């Protein structure tokens, strides 16, 4: 497992952009796939996007495809979620998670709040 720290959340208006960061101080960060998830009160945590260990492979849930971009900088032990054209339904606590190849998401950050207002 590894420690993950998210940052970059905030309060924005619809149509705005935010970039979330997920930083680890684990020396093996570059070996782990990183996922982004979000959760609203009373709802289950849902998958948003993921990037593989190399940064080449990415995957998105349909609702964010074309608006969100997931990428990473292994030299900085940091993964990012760039969110454009934010909508009210994107309001949630966003979490990053790490998984070694073929395993489950077993390391989680503390979350960062994203609030989109009209």
Protein backbone atom coordinates (compact mmCIF):
# COMPACT_ATOMS: atom_id res chain seq x y z
CA UNK A 1 0.00 0.00 0.00
CA UNK A 2 1.00 3.62 -0.41
CA UNK A 3 0.03 6.97 0.99
CA UNK A 4 -1.81 9.18 -1.47
CA UNK A 5 -2.64 12.84 -1.00
CA UNK A 6 -5.18 14.62 -3.21
CA UNK A 7 -5.33 18.35 -3.71
CA UNK A 8 -6.81 20.90 -6.08
CA UNK A 9 -10.49 20.72 -5.25
CA UNK A 10 -12.61 23.80 -4.81
CA UNK A 11 -15.78 25.71 -5.61
CA UNK A 12 -16.28 26.66 -9.25
CA UNK A 13 -19.11 27.64 -11.56
CA UNK A 14 -20.49 25.49 -14.34
CA UNK A 15 -18.23 25.43 -17.36
CA UNK A 16 -15.09 26.06 -15.35
CA UNK A 17 -12.00 23.86 -15.10
CA UNK A 18 -10.06 22.32 -12.23
CA UNK A 19 -7.04 20.06 -12.08
CA UNK A 20 -6.76 17.62 -9.20
CA UNK A 21 -3.43 16.20 -8.09
CA UNK A 22 -2.65 12.89 -6.41
CA UNK A 23 0.81 12.71 -4.90
CA UNK A 24 2.63 9.80 -3.34
CA UNK A 25 5.94 9.65 -1.50
CA UNK A 26 6.28 5.94 -2.20
CA UNK A 27 9.31 5.06 -4.30
CA UNK A 28 7.28 2.48 -6.20
CA UNK A 29 4.64 4.96 -7.42
CA UNK A 30 5.62 4.45 -11.05
CA UNK A 31 4.73 0.75 -10.81
CA UNK A 32 1.13 1.37 -9.82
CA UNK A 33 -1.97 2.13 -11.84
CA UNK A 34 -3.82 5.20 -10.53
CA UNK A 35 -7.57 5.62 -10.51
CA UNK A 36 -9.86 8.52 -9.76
CA UNK A 37 -13.21 7.96 -8.10
CA UNK A 38 -15.91 10.26 -6.76
CA UNK A 39 -18.65 10.03 -4.21
CA UNK A 40 -21.62 12.16 -3.31
CA UNK A 41 -23.50 11.95 -0.02
CA UNK A 42 -25.67 8.89 0.15
CA UNK A 43 -24.28 7.43 -3.06
CA UNK A 44 -21.76 4.72 -3.72
CA UNK A 45 -18.28 5.66 -4.82
CA UNK A 46 -18.06 5.60 -8.61
CA UNK A 47 -15.18 5.17 -10.99
CA UNK A 48 -14.21 8.28 -12.96
CA UNK A 49 -10.92 7.62 -14.75
CA UNK A 50 -7.70 5.65 -14.56
CA UNK A 51 -4.18 5.76 -15.96
CA UNK A 52 -1.85 2.81 -16.09
CA UNK A 53 1.63 2.77 -14.58
CA UNK A 54 3.24 3.98 -17.80
CA UNK A 55 0.84 6.81 -18.44
CA UNK A 56 -0.02 5.44 -21.85
CA UNK A 57 -3.22 3.56 -21.07
CA UNK A 58 -6.22 5.54 -19.87
CA UNK A 59 -9.88 4.78 -19.25
CA UNK A 60 -12.88 6.99 -18.51
CA UNK A 61 -16.45 6.59 -17.45
CA UNK A 62 -18.84 7.71 -20.17
CA UNK A 63 -20.09 10.80 -18.37
CA UNK A 64 -16.65 12.45 -18.31
CA UNK A 65 -15.26 11.23 -21.63
CA UNK A 66 -14.09 14.22 -23.64
CA UNK A 67 -14.21 16.59 -20.64
CA UNK A 68 -11.74 15.00 -18.20
CA UNK A 69 -8.15 13.97 -18.86
CA UNK A 70 -6.12 11.71 -16.58
CA UNK A 71 -2.33 11.75 -16.77
CA UNK A 72 0.71 11.32 -14.59
CA UNK A 73 4.27 12.48 -14.07
CA UNK A 74 6.21 9.61 -12.54
CA UNK A 75 9.26 11.79 -11.99
CA UNK A 76 7.11 13.83 -9.60
CA UNK A 77 5.25 10.82 -8.16
CA UNK A 78 2.02 12.61 -9.06
CA UNK A 79 -1.09 11.80 -11.05
CA UNK A 80 -3.57 14.39 -12.24
CA UNK A 81 -7.19 14.69 -13.26
CA UNK A 82 -7.84 17.67 -15.48
CA UNK A 83 -11.53 18.49 -15.46
CA UNK A 84 -12.97 20.83 -18.08
CA UNK A 85 -16.50 22.11 -18.62
CA UNK A 86 -17.55 21.11 -15.14
CA UNK A 87 -21.24 20.47 -14.59
CA UNK A 88 -23.43 20.45 -11.50
CA UNK A 89 -23.44 16.65 -11.51
CA UNK A 90 -19.65 16.61 -11.16
CA UNK A 91 -20.01 17.87 -7.59
CA UNK A 92 -18.51 15.21 -5.32
CA UNK A 93 -15.59 14.24 -3.15
CA UNK A 94 -12.88 13.00 -5.47
CA UNK A 95 -10.49 10.25 -4.40
CA UNK A 96 -7.43 8.80 -6.02
CA UNK A 97 -6.46 5.17 -5.56
CA UNK A 98 -3.54 2.95 -6.45
CA UNK A 99 -3.46 -0.62 -7.66
CA UNK A 100 -0.56 -2.82 -8.62
CA UNK A 101 -1.06 -4.49 -11.98
CA UNK A 102 -3.85 -7.04 -11.85
CA UNK A 103 -4.84 -6.28 -8.27
CA UNK A 104 -7.63 -4.27 -6.67
CA UNK A 105 -7.57 -0.63 -5.66
CA UNK A 106 -6.12 -1.02 -2.19
CA UNK A 107 -4.58 2.38 -1.41
CA UNK A 108 -6.78 5.45 -1.14
CA UNK A 109 -6.30 9.13 -0.51
CA UNK A 110 -8.38 11.20 1.88
CA UNK A 111 -10.38 12.91 -0.86
CA UNK A 112 -10.79 16.45 -2.09
CA UNK A 113 -14.12 18.25 -2.45
CA UNK A 114 -15.21 19.59 -5.83
CA UNK A 115 -18.32 21.75 -5.82
CA UNK A 116 -19.84 23.10 -9.02
CA UNK A 117 -22.43 25.84 -8.73
CA UNK A 118 -24.69 27.47 -11.31
